[in-house]
N, C-alpha and C. Protein backbone atom coordinates (compact mmCIF):
# COMPACT_ATOMS: atom_id res chain seq x y z
N MET A 1 -21.35 29.00 28.04
CA MET A 1 -20.28 29.56 28.86
C MET A 1 -18.98 29.58 28.07
N ASP A 2 -18.19 30.61 28.26
CA ASP A 2 -16.92 30.75 27.56
C ASP A 2 -16.00 29.59 27.92
N SER A 3 -15.43 28.94 26.87
CA SER A 3 -14.53 27.81 27.10
C SER A 3 -13.12 28.26 27.41
N ASN A 4 -12.88 29.57 27.45
CA ASN A 4 -11.55 30.07 27.81
C ASN A 4 -11.29 29.87 29.29
N ASN A 5 -10.10 29.44 29.63
CA ASN A 5 -9.69 29.28 31.01
C ASN A 5 -8.18 29.25 31.04
N ILE A 6 -7.58 29.94 31.99
CA ILE A 6 -6.12 30.02 32.03
C ILE A 6 -5.49 28.64 32.19
N ASN A 7 -6.06 27.82 33.05
CA ASN A 7 -5.45 26.53 33.37
C ASN A 7 -6.12 25.35 32.70
N GLY A 8 -7.17 25.58 31.96
CA GLY A 8 -7.87 24.46 31.34
C GLY A 8 -9.00 24.94 30.46
N ILE A 9 -9.94 24.06 30.18
CA ILE A 9 -11.08 24.41 29.36
C ILE A 9 -12.36 24.05 30.12
N ILE A 10 -13.44 24.70 29.74
CA ILE A 10 -14.73 24.45 30.38
C ILE A 10 -15.63 23.73 29.39
N ILE A 11 -16.12 22.56 29.79
CA ILE A 11 -17.04 21.77 28.98
C ILE A 11 -18.26 21.47 29.83
N ASN A 12 -19.42 21.89 29.35
CA ASN A 12 -20.67 21.69 30.10
C ASN A 12 -20.55 22.19 31.54
N ASP A 13 -20.02 23.40 31.67
CA ASP A 13 -19.89 24.08 32.96
C ASP A 13 -18.89 23.44 33.93
N THR A 14 -18.08 22.53 33.43
CA THR A 14 -17.06 21.90 34.27
C THR A 14 -15.68 22.24 33.74
N ASN A 15 -14.80 22.64 34.65
CA ASN A 15 -13.44 23.00 34.25
C ASN A 15 -12.54 21.76 34.22
N TYR A 16 -11.78 21.62 33.14
CA TYR A 16 -10.88 20.48 32.99
C TYR A 16 -9.45 20.95 32.72
N ASN A 17 -8.52 20.45 33.53
CA ASN A 17 -7.11 20.61 33.19
C ASN A 17 -6.72 19.40 32.35
N LEU A 18 -5.46 19.28 31.98
CA LEU A 18 -5.06 18.17 31.11
C LEU A 18 -5.30 16.81 31.76
N GLU A 19 -5.03 16.71 33.04
CA GLU A 19 -5.20 15.43 33.72
C GLU A 19 -6.66 15.00 33.76
N SER A 20 -7.54 15.89 34.16
CA SER A 20 -8.95 15.54 34.24
C SER A 20 -9.57 15.39 32.85
N LEU A 21 -9.05 16.14 31.89
CA LEU A 21 -9.55 16.02 30.52
C LEU A 21 -9.21 14.64 29.95
N GLU A 22 -8.01 14.17 30.21
CA GLU A 22 -7.61 12.86 29.72
C GLU A 22 -8.51 11.77 30.30
N SER A 23 -8.86 11.89 31.56
CA SER A 23 -9.77 10.95 32.19
C SER A 23 -11.16 11.03 31.55
N LEU A 24 -11.63 12.23 31.26
CA LEU A 24 -12.94 12.42 30.62
C LEU A 24 -12.96 11.78 29.24
N ILE A 25 -11.90 11.94 28.48
CA ILE A 25 -11.83 11.38 27.14
C ILE A 25 -12.00 9.87 27.17
N TRP A 26 -11.29 9.22 28.05
CA TRP A 26 -11.38 7.76 28.12
C TRP A 26 -12.74 7.30 28.63
N LYS A 27 -13.35 8.10 29.50
CA LYS A 27 -14.71 7.76 29.93
C LYS A 27 -15.68 7.84 28.74
N LYS A 28 -15.48 8.82 27.89
CA LYS A 28 -16.31 8.94 26.70
C LYS A 28 -16.12 7.74 25.77
N LEU A 29 -14.90 7.30 25.60
CA LEU A 29 -14.62 6.15 24.74
C LEU A 29 -15.22 4.87 25.33
N VAL A 30 -15.11 4.72 26.64
CA VAL A 30 -15.72 3.56 27.31
C VAL A 30 -17.23 3.58 27.11
N ASN A 31 -17.86 4.74 27.30
CA ASN A 31 -19.31 4.85 27.11
C ASN A 31 -19.72 4.45 25.69
N GLY A 32 -18.88 4.84 24.72
CA GLY A 32 -19.17 4.48 23.34
C GLY A 32 -19.18 2.98 23.12
N SER A 33 -18.35 2.27 23.86
CA SER A 33 -18.25 0.83 23.67
C SER A 33 -19.41 0.06 24.30
N VAL A 34 -20.14 0.69 25.20
CA VAL A 34 -21.22 -0.02 25.91
C VAL A 34 -22.61 0.55 25.63
N LYS A 35 -22.69 1.74 25.04
CA LYS A 35 -23.98 2.37 24.77
C LYS A 35 -24.19 2.48 23.26
N LYS A 36 -25.16 1.74 22.74
CA LYS A 36 -25.33 1.63 21.30
C LYS A 36 -25.68 2.94 20.61
N LYS A 37 -26.31 3.86 21.32
CA LYS A 37 -26.70 5.13 20.70
C LYS A 37 -25.71 6.25 20.96
N ASN A 38 -24.61 5.93 21.62
CA ASN A 38 -23.58 6.92 21.90
C ASN A 38 -22.82 7.29 20.63
N GLY A 39 -22.43 8.55 20.51
CA GLY A 39 -21.72 9.01 19.31
C GLY A 39 -20.39 8.33 19.09
N PHE A 40 -19.80 7.80 20.14
CA PHE A 40 -18.51 7.13 20.02
C PHE A 40 -18.66 5.62 19.90
N ARG A 41 -19.86 5.17 19.54
CA ARG A 41 -20.10 3.75 19.34
C ARG A 41 -19.39 3.25 18.08
N THR A 42 -19.25 4.13 17.10
CA THR A 42 -18.55 3.76 15.86
C THR A 42 -17.35 4.67 15.67
N MET A 43 -16.43 4.18 14.86
CA MET A 43 -15.21 4.94 14.59
C MET A 43 -14.74 4.63 13.18
N CYS A 44 -14.02 5.56 12.61
CA CYS A 44 -13.42 5.37 11.29
C CYS A 44 -12.01 4.82 11.50
N VAL A 45 -11.72 3.70 10.84
CA VAL A 45 -10.40 3.07 10.96
C VAL A 45 -9.61 3.31 9.68
N GLY A 46 -8.41 3.84 9.84
CA GLY A 46 -7.54 4.08 8.70
C GLY A 46 -6.35 3.15 8.72
N THR A 47 -6.14 2.42 7.61
CA THR A 47 -4.98 1.55 7.46
C THR A 47 -4.20 1.97 6.23
N VAL A 48 -3.04 1.35 6.04
CA VAL A 48 -2.20 1.62 4.87
C VAL A 48 -2.36 0.45 3.90
N ASP A 49 -2.79 0.73 2.66
CA ASP A 49 -3.05 -0.36 1.72
C ASP A 49 -1.79 -0.79 0.98
N GLU A 50 -1.96 -1.69 0.02
CA GLU A 50 -0.82 -2.26 -0.71
C GLU A 50 -0.10 -1.23 -1.58
N ASN A 51 -0.75 -0.09 -1.84
CA ASN A 51 -0.13 0.99 -2.62
C ASN A 51 0.35 2.13 -1.74
N ASN A 52 0.43 1.86 -0.44
CA ASN A 52 0.84 2.87 0.55
C ASN A 52 -0.09 4.07 0.58
N LEU A 53 -1.38 3.83 0.30
CA LEU A 53 -2.40 4.85 0.38
C LEU A 53 -3.31 4.56 1.57
N SER A 54 -4.00 5.59 2.04
CA SER A 54 -4.90 5.38 3.17
C SER A 54 -6.14 4.63 2.73
N SER A 55 -6.63 3.76 3.59
CA SER A 55 -7.86 2.99 3.34
C SER A 55 -8.74 3.15 4.56
N LEU A 56 -9.99 3.57 4.35
CA LEU A 56 -10.86 3.94 5.45
C LEU A 56 -12.14 3.11 5.47
N ARG A 57 -12.65 2.88 6.68
CA ARG A 57 -13.93 2.22 6.85
C ARG A 57 -14.44 2.47 8.27
N ILE A 58 -15.75 2.33 8.47
CA ILE A 58 -16.36 2.50 9.79
C ILE A 58 -16.50 1.13 10.46
N VAL A 59 -16.12 1.06 11.72
CA VAL A 59 -16.29 -0.17 12.50
C VAL A 59 -16.94 0.19 13.84
N VAL A 60 -17.34 -0.84 14.56
CA VAL A 60 -17.97 -0.64 15.87
C VAL A 60 -16.92 -0.70 16.97
N ASN A 61 -17.00 0.26 17.87
CA ASN A 61 -16.15 0.29 19.06
C ASN A 61 -16.65 -0.79 20.02
N ARG A 62 -15.95 -1.92 20.08
CA ARG A 62 -16.47 -3.08 20.82
C ARG A 62 -16.10 -3.08 22.29
N LYS A 63 -14.89 -2.66 22.62
CA LYS A 63 -14.48 -2.67 24.02
C LYS A 63 -13.32 -1.71 24.21
N VAL A 64 -13.32 -1.03 25.36
CA VAL A 64 -12.24 -0.10 25.71
C VAL A 64 -11.69 -0.47 27.08
N ASN A 65 -10.40 -0.68 27.13
CA ASN A 65 -9.71 -0.91 28.40
C ASN A 65 -9.03 0.40 28.77
N GLU A 66 -9.68 1.15 29.66
CA GLU A 66 -9.18 2.48 30.02
C GLU A 66 -7.82 2.41 30.69
N GLN A 67 -7.59 1.41 31.51
CA GLN A 67 -6.33 1.30 32.24
C GLN A 67 -5.17 0.98 31.29
N ALA A 68 -5.39 0.03 30.38
CA ALA A 68 -4.32 -0.39 29.47
C ALA A 68 -4.24 0.46 28.21
N LYS A 69 -5.25 1.33 27.99
CA LYS A 69 -5.33 2.19 26.80
C LYS A 69 -5.42 1.34 25.53
N ILE A 70 -6.34 0.39 25.54
CA ILE A 70 -6.56 -0.49 24.40
C ILE A 70 -8.02 -0.40 23.95
N ILE A 71 -8.22 -0.30 22.64
CA ILE A 71 -9.54 -0.24 22.05
C ILE A 71 -9.69 -1.42 21.09
N ASN A 72 -10.77 -2.17 21.22
CA ASN A 72 -10.98 -3.36 20.39
C ASN A 72 -12.09 -3.17 19.37
N PHE A 73 -11.88 -3.74 18.19
CA PHE A 73 -12.97 -3.91 17.24
C PHE A 73 -12.84 -5.29 16.60
N HIS A 74 -13.89 -5.72 15.92
CA HIS A 74 -13.91 -7.05 15.31
C HIS A 74 -13.76 -6.94 13.80
N THR A 75 -13.22 -7.98 13.19
CA THR A 75 -13.07 -7.98 11.74
C THR A 75 -13.11 -9.38 11.18
N ASP A 76 -13.48 -9.47 9.92
CA ASP A 76 -13.37 -10.73 9.16
C ASP A 76 -11.90 -10.83 8.74
N ASN A 77 -11.25 -11.94 9.06
CA ASN A 77 -9.83 -12.03 8.74
C ASN A 77 -9.55 -12.34 7.27
N ARG A 78 -10.58 -12.28 6.45
CA ARG A 78 -10.39 -12.33 5.00
C ARG A 78 -10.51 -10.94 4.37
N SER A 79 -10.78 -9.94 5.21
CA SER A 79 -11.02 -8.58 4.72
C SER A 79 -9.73 -7.87 4.34
N ARG A 80 -9.90 -6.77 3.61
CA ARG A 80 -8.74 -5.99 3.19
C ARG A 80 -8.05 -5.34 4.38
N LYS A 81 -8.83 -4.88 5.37
CA LYS A 81 -8.18 -4.24 6.50
C LYS A 81 -7.32 -5.22 7.28
N TYR A 82 -7.76 -6.47 7.34
CA TYR A 82 -6.96 -7.51 8.00
C TYR A 82 -5.64 -7.70 7.25
N VAL A 83 -5.72 -7.78 5.93
CA VAL A 83 -4.52 -7.94 5.11
C VAL A 83 -3.59 -6.75 5.31
N HIS A 84 -4.17 -5.55 5.33
CA HIS A 84 -3.35 -4.35 5.54
C HIS A 84 -2.63 -4.41 6.88
N LEU A 85 -3.35 -4.79 7.93
CA LEU A 85 -2.77 -4.80 9.27
C LEU A 85 -1.77 -5.93 9.46
N GLU A 86 -1.89 -6.98 8.68
CA GLU A 86 -0.89 -8.05 8.72
C GLU A 86 0.45 -7.54 8.19
N LYS A 87 0.39 -6.62 7.23
CA LYS A 87 1.60 -6.08 6.62
C LYS A 87 2.14 -4.87 7.38
N ASP A 88 1.23 -4.09 7.95
CA ASP A 88 1.62 -2.87 8.67
C ASP A 88 0.64 -2.70 9.83
N ASN A 89 1.09 -2.94 11.04
CA ASN A 89 0.17 -2.97 12.19
C ASN A 89 -0.08 -1.60 12.82
N ARG A 90 0.20 -0.55 12.08
CA ARG A 90 -0.17 0.79 12.53
C ARG A 90 -1.54 1.15 11.97
N LEU A 91 -2.33 1.86 12.77
CA LEU A 91 -3.60 2.37 12.26
C LEU A 91 -3.98 3.66 12.95
N SER A 92 -4.98 4.32 12.38
CA SER A 92 -5.55 5.53 12.98
C SER A 92 -7.03 5.29 13.22
N LEU A 93 -7.53 5.87 14.30
CA LEU A 93 -8.96 5.81 14.62
C LEU A 93 -9.50 7.22 14.71
N LEU A 94 -10.65 7.45 14.13
CA LEU A 94 -11.29 8.76 14.19
C LEU A 94 -12.68 8.61 14.78
N PHE A 95 -12.90 9.31 15.89
CA PHE A 95 -14.21 9.37 16.54
C PHE A 95 -14.75 10.80 16.40
N TYR A 96 -16.05 10.92 16.16
CA TYR A 96 -16.66 12.26 16.16
C TYR A 96 -18.10 12.15 16.63
N ASP A 97 -18.44 13.00 17.57
CA ASP A 97 -19.81 13.08 18.08
C ASP A 97 -20.28 14.52 17.94
N ALA A 98 -21.20 14.76 17.00
CA ALA A 98 -21.68 16.12 16.75
C ALA A 98 -22.42 16.69 17.95
N ARG A 99 -23.14 15.82 18.66
CA ARG A 99 -23.89 16.29 19.83
C ARG A 99 -22.96 16.76 20.94
N GLN A 100 -21.88 16.01 21.18
CA GLN A 100 -20.93 16.39 22.22
C GLN A 100 -19.91 17.42 21.72
N LYS A 101 -19.90 17.63 20.40
CA LYS A 101 -18.96 18.57 19.77
C LYS A 101 -17.51 18.18 20.05
N VAL A 102 -17.25 16.89 19.95
CA VAL A 102 -15.93 16.37 20.27
C VAL A 102 -15.42 15.47 19.14
N GLN A 103 -14.16 15.70 18.77
CA GLN A 103 -13.47 14.82 17.83
C GLN A 103 -12.25 14.24 18.54
N ILE A 104 -12.04 12.93 18.36
CA ILE A 104 -10.88 12.26 18.95
C ILE A 104 -10.16 11.50 17.85
N VAL A 105 -8.90 11.79 17.67
CA VAL A 105 -8.07 11.10 16.68
C VAL A 105 -7.01 10.30 17.43
N ILE A 106 -6.90 9.03 17.09
CA ILE A 106 -5.99 8.13 17.80
C ILE A 106 -5.03 7.44 16.84
N LYS A 107 -3.80 7.26 17.28
CA LYS A 107 -2.84 6.43 16.56
C LYS A 107 -2.51 5.24 17.46
N ALA A 108 -2.43 4.06 16.84
CA ALA A 108 -2.26 2.86 17.65
C ALA A 108 -1.47 1.79 16.89
N ILE A 109 -0.94 0.86 17.67
CA ILE A 109 -0.32 -0.36 17.14
C ILE A 109 -1.25 -1.51 17.48
N VAL A 110 -1.51 -2.38 16.52
CA VAL A 110 -2.51 -3.42 16.75
C VAL A 110 -1.90 -4.80 16.98
N THR A 111 -2.63 -5.58 17.75
CA THR A 111 -2.39 -7.01 17.89
C THR A 111 -3.66 -7.70 17.44
N ILE A 112 -3.54 -8.66 16.52
CA ILE A 112 -4.70 -9.35 15.99
C ILE A 112 -4.87 -10.69 16.71
N HIS A 113 -6.07 -10.92 17.20
CA HIS A 113 -6.38 -12.16 17.92
C HIS A 113 -7.30 -13.03 17.06
N THR A 114 -6.80 -14.21 16.69
CA THR A 114 -7.57 -15.16 15.89
C THR A 114 -7.47 -16.54 16.53
N ASN A 115 -8.62 -17.13 16.78
CA ASN A 115 -8.66 -18.48 17.37
C ASN A 115 -7.83 -18.59 18.65
N ASP A 116 -7.91 -17.56 19.48
CA ASP A 116 -7.27 -17.61 20.79
C ASP A 116 -8.33 -17.33 21.85
N ALA A 117 -7.92 -17.24 23.10
CA ALA A 117 -8.88 -17.10 24.19
C ALA A 117 -9.77 -15.87 24.02
N LEU A 118 -9.17 -14.74 23.63
CA LEU A 118 -9.95 -13.51 23.49
C LEU A 118 -10.95 -13.62 22.35
N SER A 119 -10.51 -14.04 21.18
CA SER A 119 -11.42 -14.11 20.03
C SER A 119 -12.51 -15.16 20.24
N ILE A 120 -12.17 -16.28 20.85
CA ILE A 120 -13.18 -17.31 21.13
C ILE A 120 -14.23 -16.79 22.09
N ASP A 121 -13.79 -16.06 23.12
CA ASP A 121 -14.72 -15.48 24.09
C ASP A 121 -15.65 -14.47 23.43
N ARG A 122 -15.09 -13.61 22.56
CA ARG A 122 -15.91 -12.60 21.90
C ARG A 122 -16.85 -13.22 20.87
N TRP A 123 -16.41 -14.29 20.23
CA TRP A 123 -17.29 -14.98 19.28
C TRP A 123 -18.49 -15.58 20.02
N LYS A 124 -18.23 -16.19 21.14
CA LYS A 124 -19.30 -16.80 21.92
C LYS A 124 -20.31 -15.76 22.42
N ALA A 125 -19.82 -14.54 22.63
CA ALA A 125 -20.69 -13.47 23.13
C ALA A 125 -21.48 -12.80 22.01
N THR A 126 -21.21 -13.18 20.76
CA THR A 126 -21.88 -12.59 19.61
C THR A 126 -23.08 -13.44 19.20
N SER A 127 -24.22 -12.81 18.97
CA SER A 127 -25.42 -13.55 18.60
C SER A 127 -25.25 -14.17 17.22
N ALA A 128 -26.01 -15.23 16.97
CA ALA A 128 -25.95 -15.90 15.67
C ALA A 128 -26.30 -14.93 14.55
N GLN A 129 -27.28 -14.05 14.78
CA GLN A 129 -27.68 -13.08 13.78
C GLN A 129 -26.54 -12.11 13.47
N ALA A 130 -25.84 -11.67 14.50
CA ALA A 130 -24.74 -10.73 14.31
C ALA A 130 -23.55 -11.38 13.63
N ARG A 131 -23.51 -12.69 13.61
CA ARG A 131 -22.40 -13.41 12.99
C ARG A 131 -22.52 -13.49 11.47
N LEU A 132 -23.66 -13.06 10.93
CA LEU A 132 -23.88 -13.16 9.49
C LEU A 132 -22.77 -12.49 8.68
N GLY A 133 -22.22 -11.42 9.21
CA GLY A 133 -21.16 -10.71 8.50
C GLY A 133 -19.91 -11.55 8.28
N TYR A 134 -19.78 -12.61 9.06
CA TYR A 134 -18.61 -13.49 8.94
C TYR A 134 -18.96 -14.78 8.21
N MET A 135 -20.20 -14.88 7.73
CA MET A 135 -20.68 -16.11 7.12
C MET A 135 -20.75 -16.04 5.60
N THR A 136 -20.09 -15.05 5.00
CA THR A 136 -20.08 -14.97 3.55
C THR A 136 -19.22 -16.10 2.97
N ILE A 137 -19.66 -16.62 1.83
CA ILE A 137 -18.94 -17.72 1.19
C ILE A 137 -17.58 -17.24 0.69
N ASP A 138 -17.58 -16.09 0.05
CA ASP A 138 -16.33 -15.51 -0.44
C ASP A 138 -15.88 -14.38 0.48
N ALA A 139 -14.65 -13.98 0.35
CA ALA A 139 -14.09 -12.92 1.19
C ALA A 139 -14.80 -11.59 0.94
N PRO A 140 -14.88 -10.73 1.95
CA PRO A 140 -15.44 -9.39 1.74
C PRO A 140 -14.74 -8.67 0.58
N SER A 141 -15.51 -7.94 -0.20
CA SER A 141 -15.04 -7.15 -1.35
C SER A 141 -14.74 -7.99 -2.59
N THR A 142 -15.06 -9.29 -2.55
CA THR A 142 -14.91 -10.12 -3.75
C THR A 142 -15.86 -9.62 -4.83
N LYS A 143 -15.37 -9.49 -6.06
CA LYS A 143 -16.18 -9.00 -7.17
C LYS A 143 -17.32 -9.96 -7.47
N CYS A 144 -18.53 -9.40 -7.72
CA CYS A 144 -19.72 -10.21 -8.01
C CYS A 144 -20.39 -9.69 -9.28
N ASN A 145 -21.13 -10.56 -9.94
CA ASN A 145 -21.84 -10.17 -11.16
C ASN A 145 -23.19 -9.52 -10.88
N LYS A 146 -23.67 -9.66 -9.64
CA LYS A 146 -24.96 -9.08 -9.27
C LYS A 146 -24.95 -8.78 -7.78
N PRO A 147 -25.90 -7.96 -7.30
CA PRO A 147 -25.95 -7.68 -5.86
C PRO A 147 -26.12 -8.98 -5.07
N THR A 148 -25.43 -9.09 -3.97
CA THR A 148 -25.49 -10.32 -3.20
C THR A 148 -25.31 -10.06 -1.72
N LEU A 149 -25.90 -10.92 -0.92
CA LEU A 149 -25.68 -10.86 0.53
C LEU A 149 -24.33 -11.49 0.88
N GLY A 150 -23.89 -12.38 0.03
CA GLY A 150 -22.61 -13.04 0.28
C GLY A 150 -22.77 -14.38 0.98
N TYR A 151 -23.80 -14.47 1.82
CA TYR A 151 -24.06 -15.72 2.54
C TYR A 151 -25.34 -16.37 1.98
N ASP A 152 -25.68 -17.52 2.50
CA ASP A 152 -26.86 -18.27 2.06
C ASP A 152 -28.10 -17.37 2.10
N GLU A 153 -28.78 -17.23 0.97
CA GLU A 153 -29.92 -16.32 0.84
C GLU A 153 -31.05 -16.61 1.83
N ARG A 154 -31.17 -17.86 2.28
CA ARG A 154 -32.25 -18.17 3.21
C ARG A 154 -32.11 -17.45 4.54
N PHE A 155 -30.89 -17.03 4.85
CA PHE A 155 -30.69 -16.32 6.12
C PHE A 155 -31.21 -14.89 6.08
N SER A 156 -31.70 -14.46 4.92
CA SER A 156 -32.35 -13.14 4.86
C SER A 156 -33.74 -13.21 5.47
N GLU A 157 -34.26 -14.43 5.61
CA GLU A 157 -35.59 -14.62 6.17
C GLU A 157 -35.57 -15.45 7.46
N VAL A 158 -34.60 -16.32 7.58
CA VAL A 158 -34.49 -17.19 8.75
C VAL A 158 -33.15 -16.97 9.43
N LYS A 159 -33.15 -16.73 10.72
CA LYS A 159 -31.91 -16.52 11.44
C LYS A 159 -31.10 -17.81 11.49
N PRO A 160 -29.79 -17.70 11.36
CA PRO A 160 -28.97 -18.91 11.47
C PRO A 160 -28.97 -19.42 12.90
N THR A 161 -28.78 -20.70 13.05
CA THR A 161 -28.65 -21.25 14.40
C THR A 161 -27.22 -21.02 14.88
N VAL A 162 -27.02 -21.19 16.16
CA VAL A 162 -25.67 -21.06 16.71
C VAL A 162 -24.74 -22.07 16.06
N GLU A 163 -25.23 -23.27 15.86
CA GLU A 163 -24.41 -24.32 15.25
C GLU A 163 -24.03 -23.97 13.82
N GLU A 164 -25.00 -23.44 13.06
CA GLU A 164 -24.71 -23.05 11.67
C GLU A 164 -23.68 -21.93 11.62
N SER A 165 -23.81 -20.97 12.51
CA SER A 165 -22.87 -19.84 12.50
C SER A 165 -21.50 -20.23 13.03
N ASP A 166 -21.44 -21.19 13.94
CA ASP A 166 -20.15 -21.60 14.51
C ASP A 166 -19.20 -22.14 13.45
N ALA A 167 -19.75 -22.64 12.35
CA ALA A 167 -18.91 -23.17 11.28
C ALA A 167 -18.04 -22.08 10.65
N PHE A 168 -18.39 -20.81 10.91
CA PHE A 168 -17.66 -19.69 10.29
C PHE A 168 -16.80 -18.94 11.31
N SER A 169 -16.65 -19.48 12.50
CA SER A 169 -15.87 -18.80 13.53
C SER A 169 -14.42 -18.58 13.12
N LYS A 170 -13.94 -19.41 12.19
CA LYS A 170 -12.56 -19.27 11.73
C LYS A 170 -12.33 -17.94 11.02
N ASN A 171 -13.40 -17.28 10.57
CA ASN A 171 -13.27 -16.00 9.85
C ASN A 171 -13.22 -14.79 10.79
N PHE A 172 -13.40 -15.04 12.07
CA PHE A 172 -13.58 -13.96 13.05
C PHE A 172 -12.27 -13.64 13.77
N SER A 173 -11.95 -12.35 13.87
CA SER A 173 -10.77 -11.90 14.61
C SER A 173 -11.10 -10.66 15.43
N VAL A 174 -10.37 -10.48 16.51
CA VAL A 174 -10.46 -9.27 17.33
C VAL A 174 -9.19 -8.47 17.10
N VAL A 175 -9.36 -7.20 16.82
CA VAL A 175 -8.22 -6.30 16.64
C VAL A 175 -8.08 -5.44 17.89
N ALA A 176 -6.98 -5.61 18.60
CA ALA A 176 -6.72 -4.85 19.82
C ALA A 176 -5.75 -3.71 19.48
N CYS A 177 -6.21 -2.48 19.69
CA CYS A 177 -5.43 -1.29 19.32
C CYS A 177 -4.78 -0.67 20.55
N GLN A 178 -3.47 -0.77 20.63
CA GLN A 178 -2.73 -0.18 21.74
C GLN A 178 -2.43 1.27 21.40
N VAL A 179 -3.10 2.17 22.09
CA VAL A 179 -3.01 3.60 21.78
C VAL A 179 -1.65 4.16 22.21
N TYR A 180 -1.01 4.91 21.30
CA TYR A 180 0.23 5.60 21.66
C TYR A 180 0.14 7.11 21.46
N GLU A 181 -0.90 7.56 20.78
CA GLU A 181 -1.10 9.00 20.61
C GLU A 181 -2.59 9.30 20.52
N LEU A 182 -3.03 10.36 21.19
CA LEU A 182 -4.44 10.74 21.18
C LEU A 182 -4.55 12.26 21.05
N GLU A 183 -5.37 12.69 20.11
CA GLU A 183 -5.61 14.12 19.89
C GLU A 183 -7.08 14.42 20.15
N PHE A 184 -7.33 15.35 21.03
CA PHE A 184 -8.69 15.73 21.42
C PHE A 184 -9.01 17.12 20.89
N LEU A 185 -10.17 17.28 20.26
CA LEU A 185 -10.61 18.58 19.76
C LEU A 185 -12.03 18.84 20.23
N TYR A 186 -12.21 19.95 20.94
CA TYR A 186 -13.53 20.37 21.40
C TYR A 186 -13.96 21.58 20.58
N LEU A 187 -15.12 21.46 19.95
CA LEU A 187 -15.63 22.52 19.09
C LEU A 187 -16.60 23.39 19.87
N ASP A 188 -16.35 24.70 19.87
CA ASP A 188 -17.19 25.61 20.65
C ASP A 188 -17.29 26.94 19.91
N PHE A 189 -18.47 27.55 19.94
CA PHE A 189 -18.68 28.79 19.18
C PHE A 189 -17.76 29.91 19.66
N SER A 190 -17.33 29.85 20.92
CA SER A 190 -16.45 30.90 21.45
C SER A 190 -14.98 30.60 21.20
N GLY A 191 -14.70 29.44 20.57
CA GLY A 191 -13.33 29.08 20.26
C GLY A 191 -13.07 27.61 20.51
N ASN A 192 -12.45 26.93 19.54
CA ASN A 192 -12.16 25.52 19.68
C ASN A 192 -10.94 25.31 20.58
N ARG A 193 -10.83 24.12 21.14
CA ARG A 193 -9.71 23.78 22.03
C ARG A 193 -9.17 22.41 21.67
N LYS A 194 -7.85 22.28 21.72
CA LYS A 194 -7.21 21.01 21.35
C LYS A 194 -6.16 20.63 22.39
N ALA A 195 -6.03 19.31 22.59
CA ALA A 195 -5.00 18.78 23.50
C ALA A 195 -4.45 17.49 22.92
N HIS A 196 -3.16 17.24 23.21
CA HIS A 196 -2.49 16.03 22.74
C HIS A 196 -2.02 15.21 23.94
N PHE A 197 -2.12 13.87 23.80
CA PHE A 197 -1.66 12.97 24.85
C PHE A 197 -0.85 11.85 24.20
N PHE A 198 0.23 11.46 24.86
CA PHE A 198 1.12 10.44 24.33
C PHE A 198 1.32 9.34 25.37
N TYR A 199 1.34 8.07 24.88
CA TYR A 199 1.41 6.92 25.78
C TYR A 199 2.52 5.97 25.37
N LYS A 200 3.03 5.26 26.36
CA LYS A 200 3.98 4.18 26.12
C LYS A 200 3.63 3.04 27.06
N ASN A 201 3.36 1.87 26.48
CA ASN A 201 2.96 0.69 27.27
C ASN A 201 1.75 0.98 28.16
N GLY A 202 0.82 1.75 27.63
CA GLY A 202 -0.40 2.03 28.36
C GLY A 202 -0.30 3.14 29.39
N GLN A 203 0.86 3.77 29.49
CA GLN A 203 1.07 4.84 30.47
C GLN A 203 1.31 6.17 29.77
N ILE A 204 0.66 7.22 30.24
CA ILE A 204 0.87 8.53 29.65
C ILE A 204 2.24 9.07 30.04
N PHE A 205 2.97 9.61 29.06
CA PHE A 205 4.29 10.16 29.37
C PHE A 205 4.45 11.60 28.91
N ASP A 206 3.46 12.11 28.15
CA ASP A 206 3.53 13.52 27.76
C ASP A 206 2.14 13.99 27.35
N CYS A 207 1.88 15.26 27.57
CA CYS A 207 0.62 15.86 27.14
C CYS A 207 0.77 17.37 27.11
N PHE A 208 0.00 18.02 26.26
CA PHE A 208 0.07 19.47 26.17
C PHE A 208 -1.14 20.01 25.43
N TRP A 209 -1.42 21.27 25.65
CA TRP A 209 -2.44 21.97 24.87
C TRP A 209 -1.86 22.31 23.52
N ALA A 210 -2.70 22.45 22.50
CA ALA A 210 -2.22 22.77 21.16
C ALA A 210 -3.17 23.74 20.48
N VAL A 211 -2.67 24.41 19.47
CA VAL A 211 -3.51 25.31 18.68
C VAL A 211 -4.51 24.45 17.89
N PRO A 212 -5.80 24.78 17.95
CA PRO A 212 -6.81 23.98 17.23
C PRO A 212 -6.58 23.99 15.72
């Protein structure tokens, strides 16, 4: 069906104006945080490095607070992205789902949670096996003379116990991204459509259609 519409756009036979589209976008982001096979389960995170250049990596969309407009992901607090965010707490998030033909670009200000109620709760909710990424002896990206897992080699065959993994909880942080700008792009053979949304303290204060 033609995505052209005077007052909005049509996606999967449903007409959306800016208000309903904004609600749809956040529903998609929420779905990504709870459905492992959803296209918005992962996102590309862009930070500013020590040379004022962009630094990119893929992370998992862990939780979305639709009301507060906050998106969470987890990180090792010895990682480069953590160091970058300590110096400059601005970041960009890029979501893309080829099946849904939707791209979402977000700008946000982050708050890092380490050894506080939120990070402790999220650590406890993480399986011992999933904690392996935080159990490396050296910091992520440390130069090595040979390929390495980074953590005790026996864990490649035997899962760590909760007690063994808890010793590394100090390396775990939650990054909470307070969204202040969101760009939505819908790709369609009859013509692409774009919309922009702007937030302050979790509340939308401006939005408009834009040229794709």
